PDB file of N, CA and C in Angstrom:
ATOM      1  N   MET A   1       0.700  10.847   1.712  1.00  0.00           N
ATOM      2  CA  MET A   1      -0.844  10.815   1.968  1.00  0.00           C
ATOM      3  C   MET A   1      -0.920  11.699   1.043  1.00  0.00           C
ATOM      4  N   ILE A   2      -0.552  13.326   0.783  1.00  0.00           N
ATOM      5  CA  ILE A   2      -0.667  14.482   0.433  1.00  0.00           C
ATOM      6  C   ILE A   2       0.399  14.849  -0.096  1.00  0.00           C
ATOM      7  N   ALA A   3       0.290  15.335  -1.870  1.00  0.00           N
ATOM      8  CA  ALA A   3       1.929  15.343  -2.312  1.00  0.00           C
ATOM      9  C   ALA A   3       1.429  16.722  -3.291  1.00  0.00           C
ATOM     10  N   VAL A   4       1.487  17.795  -3.521  1.00  0.00           N
ATOM     11  CA  VAL A   4       1.004  19.309  -3.917  1.00  0.00           C
ATOM     12  C   VAL A   4       2.496  19.535  -4.414  1.00  0.00           C
ATOM     13  N   SER A   5       2.547  19.705  -5.870  1.00  0.00           N
ATOM     14  CA  SER A   5       3.596  20.900  -6.409  1.00  0.00           C
ATOM     15  C   SER A   5       3.333  21.575  -7.129  1.00  0.00           C
ATOM     16  N   ASP A   6       3.796  23.107  -7.085  1.00  0.00           N
ATOM     17  CA  ASP A   6       3.455  24.179  -7.857  1.00  0.00           C
ATOM     18  C   ASP A   6       1.657  24.093  -8.172  1.00  0.00           C
ATOM     19  N   MET A   7       0.658  24.144  -7.129  1.00  0.00           N
ATOM     20  CA  MET A   7      -0.383  24.196  -7.850  1.00  0.00           C
ATOM     21  C   MET A   7      -1.025  25.554  -7.718  1.00  0.00           C
ATOM     22  N   THR A   8      -1.421  26.034  -8.834  1.00  0.00           N
ATOM     23  CA  THR A   8      -2.480  26.889  -8.747  1.00  0.00           C
ATOM     24  C   THR A   8      -3.860  26.933  -9.440  1.00  0.00           C
ATOM     25  N   LYS A   9      -4.196  27.712  -9.075  1.00  0.00           N
ATOM     26  CA  LYS A   9      -5.731  27.748  -9.579  1.00  0.00           C
ATOM     27  C   LYS A   9      -6.103  29.349  -9.790  1.00  0.00           C
ATOM     28  N   ARG A  10      -6.991  29.057 -10.889  1.00  0.00           N
ATOM     29  CA  ARG A  10      -6.892  30.660 -11.536  1.00  0.00           C
ATOM     30  C   ARG A  10      -8.348  30.907 -11.611  1.00  0.00           C
ATOM     31  N   TYR A  11      -9.005  32.399 -11.600  1.00  0.00           N
ATOM     32  CA  TYR A  11     -10.720  32.588 -12.196  1.00  0.00           C
ATOM     33  C   TYR A  11     -10.590  33.506 -12.753  1.00  0.00           C
ATOM     34  N   GLY A  12     -10.391  33.495 -14.087  1.00  0.00           N
ATOM     35  CA  GLY A  12     -10.285  34.603 -15.232  1.00  0.00           C
ATOM     36  C   GLY A  12      -9.141  35.125 -14.901  1.00  0.00           C
ATOM     37  N   GLU A  13      -9.091  36.449 -14.540  1.00  0.00           N
ATOM     38  CA  GLU A  13      -8.003  37.046 -14.354  1.00  0.00           C
ATOM     39  C   GLU A  13      -6.934  36.912 -12.576  1.00  0.00           C
ATOM     40  N   THR A  14      -8.080  36.163 -12.016  1.00  0.00           N
ATOM     41  CA  THR A  14      -7.732  36.210 -10.543  1.00  0.00           C
ATOM     42  C   THR A  14      -7.295  34.950 -10.083  1.00  0.00           C
ATOM     43  N   TRP A  15      -6.113  34.983  -9.474  1.00  0.00           N
ATOM     44  CA  TRP A  15      -5.286  34.166  -8.560  1.00  0.00           C
ATOM     45  C   TRP A  15      -5.905  33.489  -7.659  1.00  0.00           C
ATOM     46  N   ALA A  16      -6.187  32.585  -7.738  1.00  0.00           N
ATOM     47  CA  ALA A  16      -6.809  31.974  -5.999  1.00  0.00           C
ATOM     48  C   ALA A  16      -5.506  31.331  -5.701  1.00  0.00           C
ATOM     49  N   LEU A  17      -4.802  30.708  -5.909  1.00  0.00           N
ATOM     50  CA  LEU A  17      -3.533  29.923  -5.714  1.00  0.00           C
ATOM     51  C   LEU A  17      -2.665  29.768  -6.477  1.00  0.00           C
ATOM     52  N   SER A  18      -1.675  30.625  -5.842  1.00  0.00           N
ATOM     53  CA  SER A  18      -0.325  30.438  -7.033  1.00  0.00           C
ATOM     54  C   SER A  18       1.130  29.782  -6.238  1.00  0.00           C
ATOM     55  N   GLY A  19       0.918  28.672  -6.604  1.00  0.00           N
ATOM     56  CA  GLY A  19       2.516  27.979  -6.656  1.00  0.00           C
ATOM     57  C   GLY A  19       2.746  27.472  -5.165  1.00  0.00           C
ATOM     58  N   ILE A  20       1.334  26.577  -4.847  1.00  0.00           N
ATOM     59  CA  ILE A  20       1.222  25.878  -3.865  1.00  0.00           C
ATOM     60  C   ILE A  20       2.071  24.940  -3.708  1.00  0.00           C
ATOM     61  N   ASP A  21       2.748  24.620  -2.616  1.00  0.00           N
ATOM     62  CA  ASP A  21       3.285  23.472  -2.237  1.00  0.00           C
ATOM     63  C   ASP A  21       3.443  23.030  -1.064  1.00  0.00           C
ATOM     64  N   LEU A  22       3.181  21.348  -0.812  1.00  0.00           N
ATOM     65  CA  LEU A  22       2.199  20.964   0.121  1.00  0.00           C
ATOM     66  C   LEU A  22       3.088  19.384   0.444  1.00  0.00           C
ATOM     67  N   SER A  23       3.177  18.735   1.767  1.00  0.00           N
ATOM     68  CA  SER A  23       3.329  17.690   1.593  1.00  0.00           C
ATOM     69  C   SER A  23       3.151  17.311   2.972  1.00  0.00           C
ATOM     70  N   VAL A  24       1.764  16.115   2.906  1.00  0.00           N
ATOM     71  CA  VAL A  24       1.441  15.562   4.484  1.00  0.00           C
ATOM     72  C   VAL A  24       1.548  13.775   4.703  1.00  0.00           C
ATOM     73  N   ALA A  25       2.228  13.956   5.501  1.00  0.00           N
ATOM     74  CA  ALA A  25       2.553  11.987   5.484  1.00  0.00           C
ATOM     75  C   ALA A  25       1.428  11.519   6.184  1.00  0.00           C
ATOM     76  N   THR A  26       1.621  10.675   6.055  1.00  0.00           N
ATOM     77  CA  THR A  26       0.583   9.575   7.140  1.00  0.00           C
ATOM     78  C   THR A  26       0.387   9.636   8.614  1.00  0.00           C
ATOM     79  N   GLY A  27      -0.294  10.048   9.024  1.00  0.00           N
ATOM     80  CA  GLY A  27      -0.287  10.160  10.603  1.00  0.00           C
ATOM     81  C   GLY A  27      -0.266  11.865  11.309  1.00  0.00           C
ATOM     82  N   GLU A  28       0.032  12.515   9.778  1.00  0.00           N
ATOM     83  CA  GLU A  28       0.027  13.818  10.099  1.00  0.00           C
ATOM     84  C   GLU A  28      -0.708  14.740  10.301  1.00  0.00           C
ATOM     85  N   CYS A  29      -1.085  15.648  11.007  1.00  0.00           N
ATOM     86  CA  CYS A  29      -2.500  16.344  11.136  1.00  0.00           C
ATOM     87  C   CYS A  29      -2.181  18.118  10.784  1.00  0.00           C
ATOM     88  N   VAL A  30      -2.603  18.608   9.863  1.00  0.00           N
ATOM     89  CA  VAL A  30      -2.263  19.928   9.620  1.00  0.00           C
ATOM     90  C   VAL A  30      -3.559  20.703   9.504  1.00  0.00           C
ATOM     91  N   ALA A  31      -3.257  21.800   9.174  1.00  0.00           N
ATOM     92  CA  ALA A  31      -4.016  22.724   9.405  1.00  0.00           C
ATOM     93  C   ALA A  31      -4.237  23.964   8.705  1.00  0.00           C
ATOM     94  N   LEU A  32      -4.704  24.614   7.727  1.00  0.00           N
ATOM     95  CA  LEU A  32      -4.737  25.515   6.877  1.00  0.00           C
ATOM     96  C   LEU A  32      -4.771  26.790   7.362  1.00  0.00           C
ATOM     97  N   LEU A  33      -4.244  27.677   7.881  1.00  0.00           N
ATOM     98  CA  LEU A  33      -4.900  28.565   8.290  1.00  0.00           C
ATOM     99  C   LEU A  33      -4.375  30.155   7.548  1.00  0.00           C
ATOM    100  N   GLY A  34      -5.262  31.114   7.286  1.00  0.00           N
ATOM    101  CA  GLY A  34      -4.959  32.087   6.792  1.00  0.00           C
ATOM    102  C   GLY A  34      -6.472  33.461   7.060  1.00  0.00           C
ATOM    103  N   PRO A  35      -6.283  34.211   6.361  1.00  0.00           N
ATOM    104  CA  PRO A  35      -7.572  35.316   5.974  1.00  0.00           C
ATOM    105  C   PRO A  35      -8.280  34.841   5.181  1.00  0.00           C
ATOM    106  N   ASN A  36      -9.680  35.618   5.171  1.00  0.00           N
ATOM    107  CA  ASN A  36     -10.682  34.592   4.297  1.00  0.00           C
ATOM    108  C   ASN A  36     -10.356  35.572   2.946  1.00  0.00           C
ATOM    109  N   GLY A  37     -10.396  34.510   1.712  1.00  0.00           N
ATOM    110  CA  GLY A  37      -9.634  34.680   0.523  1.00  0.00           C
ATOM    111  C   GLY A  37      -8.196  34.415   0.442  1.00  0.00           C
ATOM    112  N   ALA A  38      -7.982  33.775   1.359  1.00  0.00           N
ATOM    113  CA  ALA A  38      -6.202  32.993   1.365  1.00  0.00           C
ATOM    114  C   ALA A  38      -6.232  32.088  -0.002  1.00  0.00           C
ATOM    115  N   GLY A  39      -7.361  31.169   0.045  1.00  0.00           N
ATOM    116  CA  GLY A  39      -7.193  30.285  -0.701  1.00  0.00           C
ATOM    117  C   GLY A  39      -7.436  28.752   0.435  1.00  0.00           C
ATOM    118  N   LYS A  40      -7.788  28.765   0.824  1.00  0.00           N
ATOM    119  CA  LYS A  40      -7.892  27.583   2.044  1.00  0.00           C
ATOM    120  C   LYS A  40      -8.775  26.391   1.576  1.00  0.00           C
ATOM    121  N   THR A  41     -10.135  27.363   1.039  1.00  0.00           N
ATOM    122  CA  THR A  41     -11.254  26.387   1.031  1.00  0.00           C
ATOM    123  C   THR A  41     -10.512  25.783  -0.690  1.00  0.00           C
ATOM    124  N   THR A  42     -10.506  26.510  -1.714  1.00  0.00           N
ATOM    125  CA  THR A  42     -10.098  26.665  -3.035  1.00  0.00           C
ATOM    126  C   THR A  42      -8.767  25.102  -2.835  1.00  0.00           C
ATOM    127  N   THR A  43      -7.901  25.295  -1.893  1.00  0.00           N
ATOM    128  CA  THR A  43      -6.755  23.968  -1.770  1.00  0.00           C
ATOM    129  C   THR A  43      -7.467  22.743  -1.353  1.00  0.00           C
ATOM    130  N   ILE A  44      -8.764  22.978  -0.674  1.00  0.00           N
ATOM    131  CA  ILE A  44      -9.206  21.962  -0.175  1.00  0.00           C
ATOM    132  C   ILE A  44     -10.138  20.964  -0.938  1.00  0.00           C
ATOM    133  N   GLU A  45     -10.624  21.800  -1.956  1.00  0.00           N
ATOM    134  CA  GLU A  45     -11.710  21.516  -2.744  1.00  0.00           C
ATOM    135  C   GLU A  45     -10.840  20.847  -3.992  1.00  0.00           C
ATOM    136  N   ILE A  46      -9.477  21.187  -4.031  1.00  0.00           N
ATOM    137  CA  ILE A  46      -8.617  20.468  -5.069  1.00  0.00           C
ATOM    138  C   ILE A  46      -8.516  19.269  -4.759  1.00  0.00           C
ATOM    139  N   LEU A  47      -7.830  19.147  -3.556  1.00  0.00           N
ATOM    140  CA  LEU A  47      -7.400  17.979  -2.965  1.00  0.00           C
ATOM    141  C   LEU A  47      -8.846  17.002  -2.744  1.00  0.00           C
ATOM    142  N   GLU A  48      -9.890  17.438  -2.910  1.00  0.00           N
ATOM    143  CA  GLU A  48     -10.786  16.220  -2.231  1.00  0.00           C
ATOM    144  C   GLU A  48     -11.679  15.653  -3.873  1.00  0.00           C
ATOM    145  N   GLY A  49     -11.183  16.548  -4.518  1.00  0.00           N
ATOM    146  CA  GLY A  49     -11.667  16.302  -6.260  1.00  0.00           C
ATOM    147  C   GLY A  49     -12.589  17.224  -6.643  1.00  0.00           C
ATOM    148  N   TYR A  50     -13.427  17.802  -6.150  1.00  0.00           N
ATOM    149  CA  TYR A  50     -14.508  18.653  -6.169  1.00  0.00           C
ATOM    150  C   TYR A  50     -14.347  19.899  -7.272  1.00  0.00           C
ATOM    151  N   ARG A  51     -13.085  20.853  -7.275  1.00  0.00           N
ATOM    152  CA  ARG A  51     -12.507  21.850  -8.320  1.00  0.00           C
ATOM    153  C   ARG A  51     -10.995  21.044  -8.603  1.00  0.00           C
ATOM    154  N   ARG A  52     -11.035  21.745 -10.110  1.00  0.00           N
ATOM    155  CA  ARG A  52      -9.908  21.335 -11.002  1.00  0.00           C
ATOM    156  C   ARG A  52      -8.927  22.713 -11.053  1.00  0.00           C
ATOM    157  N   ARG A  53      -7.754  21.877 -10.437  1.00  0.00           N
ATOM    158  CA  ARG A  53      -6.458  22.966 -10.468  1.00  0.00           C
ATOM    159  C   ARG A  53      -6.387  23.440 -11.614  1.00  0.00           C
ATOM    160  N   THR A  54      -5.747  24.683 -11.521  1.00  0.00           N
ATOM    161  CA  THR A  54      -5.144  25.646 -13.329  1.00  0.00           C
ATOM    162  C   THR A  54      -4.236  24.822 -13.956  1.00  0.00           C
ATOM    163  N   SER A  55      -2.938  24.604 -13.030  1.00  0.00           N
ATOM    164  CA  SER A  55      -1.579  23.846 -13.183  1.00  0.00           C
ATOM    165  C   SER A  55      -1.223  23.118 -12.044  1.00  0.00           C
ATOM    166  N   GLY A  56       0.007  22.675 -12.077  1.00  0.00           N
ATOM    167  CA  GLY A  56       0.600  22.013 -10.860  1.00  0.00           C
ATOM    168  C   GLY A  56       0.335  20.893 -10.674  1.00  0.00           C
ATOM    169  N   SER A  57       0.584  19.918  -9.819  1.00  0.00           N
ATOM    170  CA  SER A  57       0.328  18.517  -9.386  1.00  0.00           C
ATOM    171  C   SER A  57      -0.237  18.275  -7.945  1.00  0.00           C
ATOM    172  N   ALA A  58      -1.324  17.556  -8.011  1.00  0.00           N
ATOM    173  CA  ALA A  58      -1.568  16.875  -6.334  1.00  0.00           C
ATOM    174  C   ALA A  58      -1.704  15.304  -6.725  1.00  0.00           C
ATOM    175  N   ARG A  59      -1.646  14.640  -5.866  1.00  0.00           N
ATOM    176  CA  ARG A  59      -1.652  13.585  -5.231  1.00  0.00           C
ATOM    177  C   ARG A  59      -2.644  13.494  -3.884  1.00  0.00           C
ATOM    178  N   VAL A  60      -3.243  12.574  -3.360  1.00  0.00           N
ATOM    179  CA  VAL A  60      -4.344  12.457  -2.456  1.00  0.00           C
ATOM    180  C   VAL A  60      -4.144  10.827  -2.501  1.00  0.00           C
ATOM    181  N   LEU A  61      -3.383  10.151  -1.468  1.00  0.00           N
ATOM    182  CA  LEU A  61      -3.897   8.779  -1.321  1.00  0.00           C
ATOM    183  C   LEU A  61      -3.550   8.029  -2.515  1.00  0.00           C
ATOM    184  N   GLY A  62      -2.497   8.766  -3.146  1.00  0.00           N
ATOM    185  CA  GLY A  62      -1.624   8.274  -4.377  1.00  0.00           C
ATOM    186  C   GLY A  62      -2.336   8.467  -5.644  1.00  0.00           C
ATOM    187  N   LYS A  63      -3.360   9.360  -5.558  1.00  0.00           N
ATOM    188  CA  LYS A  63      -4.267   9.287  -6.648  1.00  0.00           C
ATOM    189  C   LYS A  63      -3.979  11.223  -7.145  1.00  0.00           C
ATOM    190  N   ASP A  64      -4.402  11.471  -8.534  1.00  0.00           N
ATOM    191  CA  ASP A  64      -4.684  12.664  -9.008  1.00  0.00           C
ATOM    192  C   ASP A  64      -6.671  13.028  -8.540  1.00  0.00           C
ATOM    193  N   PRO A  65      -6.844  13.953  -7.731  1.00  0.00           N
ATOM    194  CA  PRO A  65      -7.810  14.190  -7.249  1.00  0.00           C
ATOM    195  C   PRO A  65      -8.719  14.474  -8.731  1.00  0.00           C
ATOM    196  N   ASN A  66      -8.110  14.699  -9.728  1.00  0.00           N
ATOM    197  CA  ASN A  66      -9.420  15.275 -11.000  1.00  0.00           C
ATOM    198  C   ASN A  66      -9.255  13.809 -11.669  1.00  0.00           C
ATOM    199  N   GLN A  67      -8.962  12.629 -11.683  1.00  0.00           N
ATOM    200  CA  GLN A  67      -8.603  11.316 -12.050  1.00  0.00           C
ATOM    201  C   GLN A  67      -9.201  10.480 -11.041  1.00  0.00           C
ATOM    202  N   ALA A  68      -9.745  10.754 -10.052  1.00  0.00           N
ATOM    203  CA  ALA A  68      -9.966   9.837  -8.730  1.00  0.00           C
ATOM    204  C   ALA A  68     -11.092   9.024  -9.144  1.00  0.00           C
ATOM    205  N   SER A  69     -11.050   7.696  -8.785  1.00  0.00           N
ATOM    206  CA  SER A  69     -12.612   6.896  -9.213  1.00  0.00           C
ATOM    207  C   SER A  69     -13.467   7.113  -8.176  1.00  0.00           C
ATOM    208  N   LEU A  70     -14.736   6.235  -8.178  1.00  0.00           N
ATOM    209  CA  LEU A  70     -15.591   6.044  -6.932  1.00  0.00           C
ATOM    210  C   LEU A  70     -14.900   5.711  -5.841  1.00  0.00           C
ATOM    211  N   ALA A  71     -14.176   4.980  -6.118  1.00  0.00           N
ATOM    212  CA  ALA A  71     -12.962   4.049  -5.305  1.00  0.00           C
ATOM    213  C   ALA A  71     -12.490   4.859  -4.289  1.00  0.00           C
ATOM    214  N   TRP A  72     -11.578   5.823  -4.724  1.00  0.00           N
ATOM    215  CA  TRP A  72     -11.087   6.697  -4.263  1.00  0.00           C
ATOM    216  C   TRP A  72     -11.630   7.687  -3.226  1.00  0.00           C
ATOM    217  N   ARG A  73     -13.098   8.106  -4.210  1.00  0.00           N
ATOM    218  CA  ARG A  73     -13.473   8.597  -3.053  1.00  0.00           C
ATOM    219  C   ARG A  73     -14.514   8.446  -1.748  1.00  0.00           C
ATOM    220  N   ALA A  74     -14.297   6.873  -1.754  1.00  0.00           N
ATOM    221  CA  ALA A  74     -15.057   6.600  -0.694  1.00  0.00           C
ATOM    222  C   ALA A  74     -13.919   6.432   0.989  1.00  0.00           C
ATOM    223  N   HIS A  75     -12.599   6.465   0.174  1.00  0.00           N
ATOM    224  CA  HIS A  75     -11.565   6.163   1.086  1.00  0.00           C
ATOM    225  C   HIS A  75     -11.588   7.830   2.064  1.00  0.00           C
ATOM    226  N   ILE A  76     -11.735   8.792   1.383  1.00  0.00           N
ATOM    227  CA  ILE A  76     -11.629  10.084   1.776  1.00  0.00           C
ATOM    228  C   ILE A  76     -12.539  10.575   2.721  1.00  0.00           C
ATOM    229  N   GLY A  77     -12.257  11.590   3.744  1.00  0.00           N
ATOM    230  CA  GLY A  77     -13.557  11.977   4.293  1.00  0.00           C
ATOM    231  C   GLY A  77     -13.630  13.385   4.348  1.00  0.00           C
ATOM    232  N   ILE A  78     -14.871  13.929   4.222  1.00  0.00           N
ATOM    233  CA  ILE A  78     -14.857  15.606   3.832  1.00  0.00           C
ATOM    234  C   ILE A  78     -16.008  15.932   4.953  1.00  0.00           C
ATOM    235  N   VAL A  79     -15.672  16.999   5.500  1.00  0.00           N
ATOM    236  CA  VAL A  79     -16.585  17.420   6.761  1.00  0.00           C
ATOM    237  C   VAL A  79     -16.928  19.145   6.160  1.00  0.00           C
ATOM    238  N   LEU A  80     -18.007  19.148   5.631  1.00  0.00           N
ATOM    239  CA  LEU A  80     -18.496  20.241   4.911  1.00  0.00           C
ATOM    240  C   LEU A  80     -18.236  21.457   5.981  1.00  0.00           C
ATOM    241  N   GLN A  81     -18.127  22.557   5.653  1.00  0.00           N
ATOM    242  CA  GLN A  81     -18.077  24.048   6.283  1.00  0.00           C
ATOM    243  C   GLN A  81     -19.359  24.443   7.150  1.00  0.00           C
ATOM    244  N   ASP A  82     -20.500  24.075   6.319  1.00  0.00           N
ATOM    245  CA  ASP A  82     -21.444  24.538   6.418  1.00  0.00           C
ATOM    246  C   ASP A  82     -22.762  22.966   6.528  1.00  0.00           C
ATOM    247  N   ALA A  83     -23.412  22.845   7.919  1.00  0.00           N
ATOM    248  CA  ALA A  83     -24.544  21.820   7.844  1.00  0.00           C
ATOM    249  C   ALA A  83     -25.760  22.334   8.236  1.00  0.00           C
ATOM    250  N   ALA A  84     -26.023  23.757   8.094  1.00  0.00           N
ATOM    251  CA  ALA A  84     -27.305  24.603   8.580  1.00  0.00           C
ATOM    252  C   ALA A  84     -28.396  23.434   8.198  1.00  0.00           C
ATOM    253  N   ASP A  85     -28.535  22.401   7.461  1.00  0.00           N
ATOM    254  CA  ASP A  85     -29.835  21.836   7.067  1.00  0.00           C
ATOM    255  C   ASP A  85     -30.199  20.460   7.746  1.00  0.00           C
ATOM    256  N   GLN A  86     -28.476  20.548   8.493  1.00  0.00           N
ATOM    257  CA  GLN A  86     -29.280  19.285   9.946  1.00  0.00           C
ATOM    258  C   GLN A  86     -29.094  19.316  11.339  1.00  0.00           C
ATOM    259  N   GLY A  87     -29.453  20.540  11.378  1.00  0.00           N
ATOM    260  CA  GLY A  87     -29.752  21.459  12.568  1.00  0.00           C
ATOM    261  C   GLY A  87     -31.285  20.900  13.242  1.00  0.00           C
ATOM    262  N   GLN A  88     -31.714  20.420  12.633  1.00  0.00           N
ATOM    263  CA  GLN A  88     -33.112  19.505  13.278  1.00  0.00           C
ATOM    264  C   GLN A  88     -32.823  18.192  13.642  1.00  0.00           C
ATOM    265  N   LEU A  89     -32.019  17.320  13.161  1.00  0.00           N
ATOM    266  CA  LEU A  89     -31.300  16.048  13.032  1.00  0.00           C
ATOM    267  C   LEU A  89     -30.794  15.518  14.063  1.00  0.00           C
ATOM    268  N   THR A  90     -30.928  14.673  15.102  1.00  0.00           N
ATOM    269  CA  THR A  90     -30.222  13.993  15.725  1.00  0.00           C
ATOM    270  C   THR A  90     -28.812  13.953  15.556  1.00  0.00           C
ATOM    271  N   VAL A  91     -27.954  13.583  16.405  1.00  0.00           N
ATOM    272  CA  VAL A  91     -26.531  13.066  16.011  1.00  0.00           C
ATOM    273  C   VAL A  91     -26.767  11.731  15.580  1.00  0.00           C
ATOM    274  N   SER A  92     -27.409  11.118  15.901  1.00  0.00           N
ATOM    275  CA  SER A  92     -27.734   9.868  15.456  1.00  0.00           C
ATOM    276  C   SER A  92     -28.032   9.489  14.102  1.00  0.00           C
ATOM    277  N   GLU A  93     -29.240  10.156  13.701  1.00  0.00           N
ATOM    278  CA  GLU A  93     -29.680  10.687  12.652  1.00  0.00           C
ATOM    279  C   GLU A  93     -28.264  11.073  11.130  1.00  0.00           C
ATOM    280  N   VAL A  94     -27.553  11.992  11.924  1.00  0.00           N
ATOM    281  CA  VAL A  94     -26.614  12.893  10.872  1.00  0.00           C
ATOM    282  C   VAL A  94     -25.325  11.980  10.631  1.00  0.00           C
ATOM    283  N   VAL A  95     -25.132  11.012  11.496  1.00  0.00           N
ATOM    284  CA  VAL A  95     -23.981   9.896  11.139  1.00  0.00           C
ATOM    285  C   VAL A  95     -24.593   8.763  10.239  1.00  0.00           C
ATOM    286  N   ARG A  96     -26.025   8.173  10.511  1.00  0.00           N
ATOM    287  CA  ARG A  96     -26.500   7.522   9.091  1.00  0.00           C
ATOM    288  C   ARG A  96     -26.592   8.141   8.181  1.00  0.00           C
ATOM    289  N   HIS A  97     -27.096   9.303   7.901  1.00  0.00           N
ATOM    290  CA  HIS A  97     -26.841  10.108   6.480  1.00  0.00           C
ATOM    291  C   HIS A  97     -25.795  10.302   6.021  1.00  0.00           C
ATOM    292  N   PHE A  98     -24.840  10.770   6.909  1.00  0.00           N
ATOM    293  CA  PHE A  98     -23.295  10.519   6.068  1.00  0.00           C
ATOM    294  C   PHE A  98     -23.012   9.238   5.735  1.00  0.00           C
ATOM    295  N   ALA A  99     -22.687   8.305   6.463  1.00  0.00           N
ATOM    296  CA  ALA A  99     -22.471   6.531   6.335  1.00  0.00           C
ATOM    297  C   ALA A  99     -23.256   6.197   5.399  1.00  0.00           C
ATOM    298  N   ALA A 100     -24.307   7.071   4.555  1.00  0.00           N
ATOM    299  CA  ALA A 100     -24.953   6.645   3.416  1.00  0.00           C
ATOM    300  C   ALA A 100     -24.376   6.667   2.337  1.00  0.00           C
ATOM    301  N   TYR A 101     -23.193   7.705   2.800  1.00  0.00           N
ATOM    302  CA  TYR A 101     -22.362   8.215   1.049  1.00  0.00           C
ATOM    303  C   TYR A 101     -21.538   7.260   0.678  1.00  0.00           C
ATOM    304  N   TYR A 102     -21.413   6.143   1.968  1.00  0.00           N
ATOM    305  CA  TYR A 102     -20.040   5.154   1.432  1.00  0.00           C
ATOM    306  C   TYR A 102     -20.534   3.917   1.328  1.00  0.00           C
ATOM    307  N   PRO A 103     -20.327   2.870   0.211  1.00  0.00           N
ATOM    308  CA  PRO A 103     -20.406   1.766   0.250  1.00  0.00           C
ATOM    309  C   PRO A 103     -20.731   0.814   1.752  1.00  0.00           C
ATOM    310  N   ALA A 104     -19.872   0.658   2.366  1.00  0.00           N
ATOM    311  CA  ALA A 104     -19.847  -0.177   3.784  1.00  0.00           C
ATOM    312  C   ALA A 104     -20.439   0.617   4.812  1.00  0.00           C
ATOM    313  N   GLY A 105     -20.781   2.132   4.879  1.00  0.00           N
ATOM    314  CA  GLY A 105     -20.986   2.972   5.771  1.00  0.00           C
ATOM    315  C   GLY A 105     -22.912   2.608   5.671  1.00  0.00           C
ATOM    316  N   ALA A 106     -22.984   2.431   4.350  1.00  0.00           N
ATOM    317  CA  ALA A 106     -24.793   2.271   4.448  1.00  0.00           C
ATOM    318  C   ALA A 106     -25.201   0.901   5.162  1.00  0.00           C
ATOM    319  N   ARG A 107     -23.998  -0.244   4.909  1.00  0.00           N
ATOM    320  CA  ARG A 107     -24.331  -1.704   5.461  1.00  0.00           C
ATOM    321  C   ARG A 107     -24.453  -1.837   6.931  1.00  0.00           C
ATOM    322  N   SER A 108     -23.605  -0.455   7.217  1.00  0.00           N
ATOM    323  CA  SER A 108     -23.075  -1.087   9.095  1.00  0.00           C
ATOM    324  C   SER A 108     -24.047  -0.282   9.813  1.00  0.00           C
ATOM    325  N   GLY A 109     -25.207   0.300   9.463  1.00  0.00           N
ATOM    326  CA  GLY A 109     -26.236   0.597   9.995  1.00  0.00           C
ATOM    327  C   GLY A 109     -25.722   1.598  11.352  1.00  0.00           C
TER     328      GLY A 109
END
């Protein structure tokens, strides 16, 4: 499901990630724990294709997130850290909003 080897991310002279190795099999549930600044968000953003890694390799659902297609993106689920803009919506409205991001979700109403 997820395979990461020697993944790094550097911002100028600052290393956000250094040599991350991670393997998650289908059906496993994994939590990334650590203090602020440990690289948790950076790791997840790389795995969802939102941010590019500096070096190393990463595969999610068999694809490199840096080169993944829209079809690949439709198969991953992302829950944002901050959803303050949905505070005034009902649960149903929020579900419809996020379902519309996906081809099948928009049709399933």
